[in-house]
Amino acid sequence: MYDQVRETAKYIETQVHRKPKVAVILGSGLGSLVDQLEQVETIAYKDIPHFPQSTVAGHEGRLLFGQLGGVDVMAMQGRFHYYEGYTMKEVTYPVYVMKLLGIEKLIVTNSCGGIHTSLEPGNLMIITDFINLMHDNPLIGVNDERFGPRFPDMSEPYKKDFIALAEEVAKVLHIDYKKGVYAGFMGPYYETAAEIVAFGRMGADAIGMSTVPETIAANYLGMDVLGISCITNMATGIQKKKHSHAHVVETAHKASVTFSRWIAHIIKRLQ
């Protein structure tokens, strides 16, 4: 896998001229951050050797390299999910590529459902920790020490100083936010009411179908990670109406302006 990832990274290096240290993975409906990028260089996933392809609505399927407030940034406009049929290694393949491209800080974002009753659609939530409900993870299998250790620590999957920076920026910008634990569910169905009750008792504040694999891989690879969720709906049993992916994307779009402004200012503070 190392040689394959290196081949992918080398191809990307022939297509772009920037050497960013910061990357962002954009969730469903949250791609408007790219509108703030300057001097953008774009590569479609389909043109990148060994790269998976996005199959979900709201995920554009391209890598972008540009500047935000003078900071070089790499952005994934579209991610990969376990429920699409990819292996965990394929889901997190771009994160491994980021490592060989020199990425040191990763911001992971998502649209998800709220479990805790203090949350409501449109809220932005800083992720403080995760619960892996996917029954799999990207580190299973033979370990390659060139990437990271056999048994990586997960005591601080989302860096406390990164969270503190996000909170400081939010206060300066007068952005209301929540904090909570994100549970990563396999999907692709929306969870049952009984499952939501169980997950809430486990300590989950919000639930979605992504983010956890990338967080695990990034920590394993030695990156600092910040996670921010957009609560697009309340989970089954809390929300009375039926779920719709179109509604998820629509709600994310509405919150996207504030969300993108927050992320952009966080990144500017990283220079």
C-alpha atoms as a PDB file:
ATOM      1  CA  MET A   1       0.000   0.000   0.000  1.00  0.00           C
ATOM      2  CA  TYR A   2       2.857   2.389   0.776  1.00  0.00           C
ATOM      3  CA  ASP A   3       4.129   2.256  -2.809  1.00  0.00           C
ATOM      4  CA  GLN A   4       0.618   2.818  -4.160  1.00  0.00           C
ATOM      5  CA  VAL A   5       0.051   5.819  -1.900  1.00  0.00           C
ATOM      6  CA  ARG A   6       3.431   7.219  -2.880  1.00  0.00           C
ATOM      7  CA  GLU A   7       2.524   6.882  -6.572  1.00  0.00           C
ATOM      8  CA  THR A   8      -0.710   8.801  -5.956  1.00  0.00           C
ATOM      9  CA  ALA A   9       1.100  11.525  -4.014  1.00  0.00           C
ATOM     10  CA  LYS A  10       3.745  11.916  -6.707  1.00  0.00           C
ATOM     11  CA  TYR A  11       1.063  12.317  -9.375  1.00  0.00           C
ATOM     12  CA  ILE A  12      -0.649  15.046  -7.359  1.00  0.00           C
ATOM     13  CA  GLU A  13       2.679  16.822  -6.908  1.00  0.00           C
ATOM     14  CA  THR A  14       3.071  16.984 -10.690  1.00  0.00           C
ATOM     15  CA  GLN A  15      -0.339  18.675 -11.002  1.00  0.00           C
ATOM     16  CA  VAL A  16      -0.153  21.353  -8.305  1.00  0.00           C
ATOM     17  CA  HIS A  17       2.437  23.849  -7.144  1.00  0.00           C
ATOM     18  CA  ARG A  18       1.466  24.266  -3.489  1.00  0.00           C
ATOM     19  CA  LYS A  19       2.812  22.389  -0.471  1.00  0.00           C
ATOM     20  CA  PRO A  20       0.020  22.799   2.102  1.00  0.00           C
ATOM     21  CA  LYS A  21       0.308  21.712   5.723  1.00  0.00           C
ATOM     22  CA  VAL A  22      -3.455  22.004   6.318  1.00  0.00           C
ATOM     23  CA  ALA A  23      -6.254  19.926   4.770  1.00  0.00           C
ATOM     24  CA  VAL A  24     -10.040  19.961   5.056  1.00  0.00           C
ATOM     25  CA  ILE A  25     -12.488  17.133   4.318  1.00  0.00           C
ATOM     26  CA  LEU A  26     -15.870  18.620   3.418  1.00  0.00           C
ATOM     27  CA  GLY A  27     -19.078  16.781   4.288  1.00  0.00           C
ATOM     28  CA  SER A  28     -22.449  16.654   2.513  1.00  0.00           C
ATOM     29  CA  GLY A  29     -23.635  20.115   1.514  1.00  0.00           C
ATOM     30  CA  LEU A  30     -20.639  21.847   3.089  1.00  0.00           C
ATOM     31  CA  GLY A  31     -18.581  22.433  -0.027  1.00  0.00           C
ATOM     32  CA  SER A  32     -19.047  26.208  -0.172  1.00  0.00           C
ATOM     33  CA  LEU A  33     -15.762  26.742   1.672  1.00  0.00           C
ATOM     34  CA  VAL A  34     -14.080  26.266  -1.692  1.00  0.00           C
ATOM     35  CA  ASP A  35     -15.669  29.525  -2.889  1.00  0.00           C
ATOM     36  CA  GLN A  36     -13.316  31.347  -0.517  1.00  0.00           C
ATOM     37  CA  LEU A  37     -10.197  29.691  -1.884  1.00  0.00           C
ATOM     38  CA  GLU A  38      -7.883  31.854  -3.981  1.00  0.00           C
ATOM     39  CA  GLN A  39      -5.518  30.801  -6.789  1.00  0.00           C
ATOM     40  CA  VAL A  40      -7.235  27.422  -6.948  1.00  0.00           C
ATOM     41  CA  GLU A  41      -5.774  24.341  -8.620  1.00  0.00           C
ATOM     42  CA  THR A  42      -8.223  21.455  -9.094  1.00  0.00           C
ATOM     43  CA  ILE A  43      -7.842  17.734  -9.727  1.00  0.00           C
ATOM     44  CA  ALA A  44     -10.844  15.456 -10.318  1.00  0.00           C
ATOM     45  CA  TYR A  45     -10.770  12.232  -8.320  1.00  0.00           C
ATOM     46  CA  LYS A  46     -11.294  10.263 -11.525  1.00  0.00           C
ATOM     47  CA  ASP A  47      -7.944  11.509 -12.829  1.00  0.00           C
ATOM     48  CA  ILE A  48      -5.922  10.510  -9.753  1.00  0.00           C
ATOM     49  CA  PRO A  49      -4.233   7.080  -9.794  1.00  0.00           C
ATOM     50  CA  HIS A  50      -5.671   4.605  -7.243  1.00  0.00           C
ATOM     51  CA  PHE A  51      -8.150   7.191  -5.881  1.00  0.00           C
ATOM     52  CA  PRO A  52     -11.726   6.079  -5.056  1.00  0.00           C
ATOM     53  CA  GLN A  53     -14.711   7.876  -6.593  1.00  0.00           C
ATOM     54  CA  SER A  54     -17.541   9.727  -4.826  1.00  0.00           C
ATOM     55  CA  THR A  55     -20.979   8.212  -5.420  1.00  0.00           C
ATOM     56  CA  VAL A  56     -23.113  10.242  -2.993  1.00  0.00           C
ATOM     57  CA  ALA A  57     -25.146  13.388  -3.773  1.00  0.00           C
ATOM     58  CA  GLY A  58     -23.564  16.496  -2.251  1.00  0.00           C
ATOM     59  CA  HIS A  59     -20.006  15.222  -2.781  1.00  0.00           C
ATOM     60  CA  GLU A  60     -18.391  16.820  -5.844  1.00  0.00           C
ATOM     61  CA  GLY A  61     -15.434  14.472  -6.170  1.00  0.00           C
ATOM     62  CA  ARG A  62     -12.405  16.700  -6.544  1.00  0.00           C
ATOM     63  CA  LEU A  63      -9.275  17.859  -4.757  1.00  0.00           C
ATOM     64  CA  LEU A  64      -8.626  21.569  -4.527  1.00  0.00           C
ATOM     65  CA  PHE A  65      -5.418  23.381  -3.640  1.00  0.00           C
ATOM     66  CA  GLY A  66      -5.483  27.093  -2.922  1.00  0.00           C
ATOM     67  CA  GLN A  67      -5.028  29.807  -0.330  1.00  0.00           C
ATOM     68  CA  LEU A  68      -7.177  31.013   2.549  1.00  0.00           C
ATOM     69  CA  GLY A  69      -5.900  34.197   4.137  1.00  0.00           C
ATOM     70  CA  GLY A  70      -2.407  33.478   2.907  1.00  0.00           C
ATOM     71  CA  VAL A  71      -2.412  29.870   4.126  1.00  0.00           C
ATOM     72  CA  ASP A  72      -1.938  27.063   1.597  1.00  0.00           C
ATOM     73  CA  VAL A  73      -4.815  24.582   1.925  1.00  0.00           C
ATOM     74  CA  MET A  74      -5.804  21.240   0.450  1.00  0.00           C
ATOM     75  CA  ALA A  75      -9.538  20.509   0.378  1.00  0.00           C
ATOM     76  CA  MET A  76     -11.446  17.307  -0.388  1.00  0.00           C
ATOM     77  CA  GLN A  77     -14.768  18.278  -1.930  1.00  0.00           C
ATOM     78  CA  GLY A  78     -16.395  14.920  -1.397  1.00  0.00           C
ATOM     79  CA  ARG A  79     -15.407  11.977   0.785  1.00  0.00           C
ATOM     80  CA  PHE A  80     -15.815   8.195   0.694  1.00  0.00           C
ATOM     81  CA  HIS A  81     -18.022   6.125   2.976  1.00  0.00           C
ATOM     82  CA  TYR A  82     -17.874   2.552   4.214  1.00  0.00           C
ATOM     83  CA  TYR A  83     -21.500   2.011   3.122  1.00  0.00           C
ATOM     84  CA  GLU A  84     -20.548   2.695  -0.505  1.00  0.00           C
ATOM     85  CA  GLY A  85     -18.856  -0.695  -0.502  1.00  0.00           C
ATOM     86  CA  TYR A  86     -15.310   0.549  -0.072  1.00  0.00           C
ATOM     87  CA  THR A  87     -12.942  -1.099   2.376  1.00  0.00           C
ATOM     88  CA  MET A  88     -11.792   0.968   5.326  1.00  0.00           C
ATOM     89  CA  LYS A  89      -8.385   1.328   3.681  1.00  0.00           C
ATOM     90  CA  GLU A  90     -10.098   2.768   0.587  1.00  0.00           C
ATOM     91  CA  VAL A  91     -12.296   5.084   2.673  1.00  0.00           C
ATOM     92  CA  THR A  92      -9.191   6.553   4.319  1.00  0.00           C
ATOM     93  CA  TYR A  93      -6.865   6.310   1.331  1.00  0.00           C
ATOM     94  CA  PRO A  94      -6.828  10.112   0.797  1.00  0.00           C
ATOM     95  CA  VAL A  95      -5.658  10.634   4.383  1.00  0.00           C
ATOM     96  CA  TYR A  96      -2.656   8.380   3.750  1.00  0.00           C
ATOM     97  CA  VAL A  97      -1.949  10.404   0.613  1.00  0.00           C
ATOM     98  CA  MET A  98      -2.175  13.617   2.649  1.00  0.00           C
ATOM     99  CA  LYS A  99       0.507  12.282   4.954  1.00  0.00           C
ATOM    100  CA  LEU A 100       2.961  11.786   2.093  1.00  0.00           C
ATOM    101  CA  LEU A 101       2.058  15.225   0.730  1.00  0.00           C
ATOM    102  CA  GLY A 102       3.144  16.795   4.029  1.00  0.00           C
ATOM    103  CA  ILE A 103      -0.220  17.519   5.671  1.00  0.00           C
ATOM    104  CA  GLU A 104       0.158  18.104   9.422  1.00  0.00           C
ATOM    105  CA  LYS A 105      -3.280  19.403  10.424  1.00  0.00           C
ATOM    106  CA  LEU A 106      -6.613  17.992   9.266  1.00  0.00           C
ATOM    107  CA  ILE A 107     -10.087  19.469   9.716  1.00  0.00           C
ATOM    108  CA  VAL A 108     -12.841  16.866   9.240  1.00  0.00           C
ATOM    109  CA  THR A 109     -16.421  18.024   8.760  1.00  0.00           C
ATOM    110  CA  ASN A 110     -19.750  16.293   8.335  1.00  0.00           C
ATOM    111  CA  SER A 111     -23.507  16.604   8.282  1.00  0.00           C
ATOM    112  CA  CYS A 112     -25.128  14.440  10.944  1.00  0.00           C
ATOM    113  CA  GLY A 113     -28.130  13.761  13.163  1.00  0.00           C
ATOM    114  CA  GLY A 114     -28.553  15.105  16.668  1.00  0.00           C
ATOM    115  CA  ILE A 115     -29.192  12.759  19.599  1.00  0.00           C
ATOM    116  CA  HIS A 116     -28.741  15.056  22.577  1.00  0.00           C
ATOM    117  CA  THR A 117     -31.850  17.167  23.160  1.00  0.00           C
ATOM    118  CA  SER A 118     -29.760  20.343  23.484  1.00  0.00           C
ATOM    119  CA  LEU A 119     -29.043  20.094  19.745  1.00  0.00           C
ATOM    120  CA  GLU A 120     -31.276  21.213  16.896  1.00  0.00           C
ATOM    121  CA  PRO A 121     -31.003  21.338  13.091  1.00  0.00           C
ATOM    122  CA  GLY A 122     -28.624  24.055  11.932  1.00  0.00           C
ATOM    123  CA  ASN A 123     -26.377  23.821  15.004  1.00  0.00           C
ATOM    124  CA  LEU A 124     -22.622  23.548  14.523  1.00  0.00           C
ATOM    125  CA  MET A 125     -20.922  21.131  16.919  1.00  0.00           C
ATOM    126  CA  ILE A 126     -17.238  20.762  17.766  1.00  0.00           C
ATOM    127  CA  ILE A 127     -16.486  17.043  18.095  1.00  0.00           C
ATOM    128  CA  THR A 128     -14.752  16.268  21.392  1.00  0.00           C
ATOM    129  CA  ASP A 129     -14.495  12.486  20.958  1.00  0.00           C
ATOM    130  CA  PHE A 130     -15.897   9.634  18.888  1.00  0.00           C
ATOM    131  CA  ILE A 131     -17.564   6.242  19.284  1.00  0.00           C
ATOM    132  CA  ASN A 132     -16.852   3.755  16.494  1.00  0.00           C
ATOM    133  CA  LEU A 133     -20.046   1.837  15.680  1.00  0.00           C
ATOM    134  CA  MET A 134     -18.868   0.650  12.266  1.00  0.00           C
ATOM    135  CA  HIS A 135     -17.513  -2.711  13.469  1.00  0.00           C
ATOM    136  CA  ASP A 136     -14.343  -2.113  11.464  1.00  0.00           C
ATOM    137  CA  ASN A 137     -11.485   0.370  11.250  1.00  0.00           C
ATOM    138  CA  PRO A 138      -8.732   1.300   8.776  1.00  0.00           C
ATOM    139  CA  LEU A 139      -5.862  -0.044  10.905  1.00  0.00           C
ATOM    140  CA  ILE A 140      -6.847  -3.713  10.747  1.00  0.00           C
ATOM    141  CA  GLY A 141      -4.311  -5.818   8.874  1.00  0.00           C
ATOM    142  CA  VAL A 142      -0.537  -5.844   8.524  1.00  0.00           C
ATOM    143  CA  ASN A 143       0.999  -2.621   9.831  1.00  0.00           C
ATOM    144  CA  ASP A 144       3.534  -0.596   7.863  1.00  0.00           C
ATOM    145  CA  GLU A 145       5.749   1.313  10.308  1.00  0.00           C
ATOM    146  CA  ARG A 146       6.494   3.866   7.583  1.00  0.00           C
ATOM    147  CA  PHE A 147       2.951   5.138   8.149  1.00  0.00           C
ATOM    148  CA  GLY A 148       2.566   4.767  11.901  1.00  0.00           C
ATOM    149  CA  PRO A 149       2.740   2.510  14.992  1.00  0.00           C
ATOM    150  CA  ARG A 150       0.957  -0.818  15.380  1.00  0.00           C
ATOM    151  CA  PHE A 151      -1.013   0.443  18.405  1.00  0.00           C
ATOM    152  CA  PRO A 152      -1.660   4.185  18.064  1.00  0.00           C
ATOM    153  CA  ASP A 153      -2.976   6.203  21.006  1.00  0.00           C
ATOM    154  CA  MET A 154      -6.543   7.564  20.736  1.00  0.00           C
ATOM    155  CA  SER A 155      -6.765   9.408  24.059  1.00  0.00           C
ATOM    156  CA  GLU A 156      -6.983  12.739  22.229  1.00  0.00           C
ATOM    157  CA  PRO A 157      -8.404  12.022  18.748  1.00  0.00           C
ATOM    158  CA  TYR A 158      -9.426  15.675  18.410  1.00  0.00           C
ATOM    159  CA  LYS A 159      -6.573  17.870  19.641  1.00  0.00           C
ATOM    160  CA  LYS A 160      -7.478  19.993  22.653  1.00  0.00           C
ATOM    161  CA  ASP A 161      -5.438  22.991  21.500  1.00  0.00           C
ATOM    162  CA  PHE A 162      -7.099  22.770  18.073  1.00  0.00           C
ATOM    163  CA  ILE A 163     -10.514  22.727  19.784  1.00  0.00           C
ATOM    164  CA  ALA A 164      -9.492  25.698  21.920  1.00  0.00           C
ATOM    165  CA  LEU A 165      -8.529  27.631  18.776  1.00  0.00           C
ATOM    166  CA  ALA A 166     -11.897  26.826  17.168  1.00  0.00           C
ATOM    167  CA  GLU A 167     -13.716  28.047  20.273  1.00  0.00           C
ATOM    168  CA  GLU A 168     -11.670  31.241  20.415  1.00  0.00           C
ATOM    169  CA  VAL A 169     -12.398  32.009  16.753  1.00  0.00           C
ATOM    170  CA  ALA A 170     -16.110  31.270  17.224  1.00  0.00           C
ATOM    171  CA  LYS A 171     -16.308  33.755  20.070  1.00  0.00           C
ATOM    172  CA  VAL A 172     -14.549  36.451  18.060  1.00  0.00           C
ATOM    173  CA  LEU A 173     -16.953  35.881  15.145  1.00  0.00           C
ATOM    174  CA  HIS A 174     -19.990  35.578  17.460  1.00  0.00           C
ATOM    175  CA  ILE A 175     -20.736  32.096  16.127  1.00  0.00           C
ATOM    176  CA  ASP A 176     -22.910  29.942  18.351  1.00  0.00           C
ATOM    177  CA  TYR A 177     -21.647  26.388  18.674  1.00  0.00           C
ATOM    178  CA  LYS A 178     -22.104  23.192  20.670  1.00  0.00           C
ATOM    179  CA  LYS A 179     -19.655  20.497  21.756  1.00  0.00           C
ATOM    180  CA  GLY A 180     -20.256  16.779  21.840  1.00  0.00           C
ATOM    181  CA  VAL A 181     -19.351  13.171  21.107  1.00  0.00           C
ATOM    182  CA  TYR A 182     -19.860  11.928  17.544  1.00  0.00           C
ATOM    183  CA  ALA A 183     -20.830   8.314  16.861  1.00  0.00           C
ATOM    184  CA  GLY A 184     -19.856   6.841  13.510  1.00  0.00           C
ATOM    185  CA  PHE A 185     -22.555   4.446  12.236  1.00  0.00           C
ATOM    186  CA  MET A 186     -22.073   2.052   9.321  1.00  0.00           C
ATOM    187  CA  GLY A 187     -25.228   3.035   7.405  1.00  0.00           C
ATOM    188  CA  PRO A 188     -26.499   3.510   4.777  1.00  0.00           C
ATOM    189  CA  TYR A 189     -29.894   3.373   6.480  1.00  0.00           C
ATOM    190  CA  TYR A 190     -30.934   5.937   9.054  1.00  0.00           C
ATOM    191  CA  GLU A 191     -30.761   4.344  12.495  1.00  0.00           C
ATOM    192  CA  THR A 192     -33.811   2.897  14.240  1.00  0.00           C
ATOM    193  CA  ALA A 193     -35.336   4.595  17.279  1.00  0.00           C
ATOM    194  CA  ALA A 194     -34.140   1.739  19.505  1.00  0.00           C
ATOM    195  CA  GLU A 195     -30.591   2.106  18.210  1.00  0.00           C
ATOM    196  CA  ILE A 196     -30.654   5.845  18.910  1.00  0.00           C
ATOM    197  CA  VAL A 197     -31.768   5.210  22.496  1.00  0.00           C
ATOM    198  CA  ALA A 198     -28.890   2.733  22.900  1.00  0.00           C
ATOM    199  CA  PHE A 199     -26.312   5.046  21.347  1.00  0.00           C
ATOM    200  CA  GLY A 200     -27.489   7.956  23.489  1.00  0.00           C
ATOM    201  CA  ARG A 201     -27.017   5.833  26.605  1.00  0.00           C
ATOM    202  CA  MET A 202     -23.497   5.039  25.384  1.00  0.00           C
ATOM    203  CA  GLY A 203     -22.707   8.766  25.435  1.00  0.00           C
ATOM    204  CA  ALA A 204     -23.230   9.801  21.805  1.00  0.00           C
ATOM    205  CA  ASP A 205     -24.502  13.351  21.249  1.00  0.00           C
ATOM    206  CA  ALA A 206     -24.681  13.112  17.453  1.00  0.00           C
ATOM    207  CA  ILE A 207     -24.518  10.367  14.867  1.00  0.00           C
ATOM    208  CA  GLY A 208     -23.411  10.111  11.248  1.00  0.00           C
ATOM    209  CA  MET A 209     -21.925   7.756   8.665  1.00  0.00           C
ATOM    210  CA  SER A 210     -18.426   9.183   8.215  1.00  0.00           C
ATOM    211  CA  THR A 211     -15.545  11.011   9.933  1.00  0.00           C
ATOM    212  CA  VAL A 212     -14.509   8.298  12.409  1.00  0.00           C
ATOM    213  CA  PRO A 213     -12.390   6.312   9.899  1.00  0.00           C
ATOM    214  CA  GLU A 214     -10.555   9.469   8.754  1.00  0.00           C
ATOM    215  CA  THR A 215     -10.002  10.522  12.374  1.00  0.00           C
ATOM    216  CA  ILE A 216      -8.509   7.146  13.264  1.00  0.00           C
ATOM    217  CA  ALA A 217      -6.218   7.154  10.221  1.00  0.00           C
ATOM    218  CA  ALA A 218      -5.103  10.748  10.741  1.00  0.00           C
ATOM    219  CA  ASN A 219      -4.187  10.122  14.376  1.00  0.00           C
ATOM    220  CA  TYR A 220      -2.317   6.979  13.379  1.00  0.00           C
ATOM    221  CA  LEU A 221      -0.417   9.027  10.791  1.00  0.00           C
ATOM    222  CA  GLY A 222       0.533  11.672  13.360  1.00  0.00           C
ATOM    223  CA  MET A 223      -1.765  14.517  12.267  1.00  0.00           C
ATOM    224  CA  ASP A 224      -3.554  16.988  14.535  1.00  0.00           C
ATOM    225  CA  VAL A 225      -7.302  16.706  13.961  1.00  0.00           C
ATOM    226  CA  LEU A 226     -10.237  19.084  14.462  1.00  0.00           C
ATOM    227  CA  GLY A 227     -13.773  17.837  13.848  1.00  0.00           C
ATOM    228  CA  ILE A 228     -16.865  19.988  13.310  1.00  0.00           C
ATOM    229  CA  SER A 229     -20.367  18.670  12.594  1.00  0.00           C
ATOM    230  CA  CYS A 230     -23.383  20.405  11.131  1.00  0.00           C
ATOM    231  CA  ILE A 231     -26.533  19.040  12.791  1.00  0.00           C
ATOM    232  CA  THR A 232     -28.934  18.688   9.860  1.00  0.00           C
ATOM    233  CA  ASN A 233     -31.719  16.684  11.516  1.00  0.00           C
ATOM    234  CA  MET A 234     -32.631  15.065  14.798  1.00  0.00           C
ATOM    235  CA  ALA A 235     -32.141  11.321  15.015  1.00  0.00           C
ATOM    236  CA  THR A 236     -34.917   8.741  14.651  1.00  0.00           C
ATOM    237  CA  GLY A 237     -37.381   8.771  17.535  1.00  0.00           C
ATOM    238  CA  ILE A 238     -36.482  12.375  18.372  1.00  0.00           C
ATOM    239  CA  GLN A 239     -37.401  13.779  14.977  1.00  0.00           C
ATOM    240  CA  LYS A 240     -41.004  12.881  14.184  1.00  0.00           C
ATOM    241  CA  LYS A 241     -40.872  13.152  10.393  1.00  0.00           C
ATOM    242  CA  LYS A 242     -39.110  10.677   8.128  1.00  0.00           C
ATOM    243  CA  HIS A 243     -35.494  11.220   7.112  1.00  0.00           C
ATOM    244  CA  SER A 244     -34.373  12.456   3.688  1.00  0.00           C
ATOM    245  CA  HIS A 245     -30.849  12.907   2.327  1.00  0.00           C
ATOM    246  CA  ALA A 246     -32.114  15.823   0.228  1.00  0.00           C
ATOM    247  CA  HIS A 247     -33.252  17.534   3.436  1.00  0.00           C
ATOM    248  CA  VAL A 248     -29.843  16.843   5.021  1.00  0.00           C
ATOM    249  CA  VAL A 249     -28.047  18.529   2.127  1.00  0.00           C
ATOM    250  CA  GLU A 250     -30.526  21.432   2.121  1.00  0.00           C
ATOM    251  CA  THR A 251     -30.025  22.106   5.851  1.00  0.00           C
ATOM    252  CA  ALA A 252     -26.252  21.864   5.468  1.00  0.00           C
ATOM    253  CA  HIS A 253     -26.353  24.395   2.629  1.00  0.00           C
ATOM    254  CA  LYS A 254     -28.235  26.842   4.846  1.00  0.00           C
ATOM    255  CA  ALA A 255     -25.606  26.556   7.593  1.00  0.00           C
ATOM    256  CA  SER A 256     -22.735  26.484   5.121  1.00  0.00           C
ATOM    257  CA  VAL A 257     -22.033  30.238   5.038  1.00  0.00           C
ATOM    258  CA  THR A 258     -21.477  30.480   8.793  1.00  0.00           C
ATOM    259  CA  PHE A 259     -19.719  27.127   8.821  1.00  0.00           C
ATOM    260  CA  SER A 260     -17.331  28.149   6.034  1.00  0.00           C
ATOM    261  CA  ARG A 261     -16.568  31.512   7.647  1.00  0.00           C
ATOM    262  CA  TRP A 262     -15.654  29.727  10.871  1.00  0.00           C
ATOM    263  CA  ILE A 263     -13.381  27.189   9.160  1.00  0.00           C
ATOM    264  CA  ALA A 264     -11.714  29.890   7.049  1.00  0.00           C
ATOM    265  CA  HIS A 265     -10.830  31.988  10.097  1.00  0.00           C
ATOM    266  CA  ILE A 266      -9.544  28.939  11.965  1.00  0.00           C
ATOM    267  CA  ILE A 267      -7.241  28.155   9.054  1.00  0.00           C
ATOM    268  CA  LYS A 268      -6.016  31.772   8.870  1.00  0.00           C
ATOM    269  CA  ARG A 269      -4.956  31.500  12.508  1.00  0.00           C
ATOM    270  CA  LEU A 270      -2.795  28.463  11.684  1.00  0.00           C
ATOM    271  CA  GLN A 271      -0.196  30.446   9.727  1.00  0.00           C
END
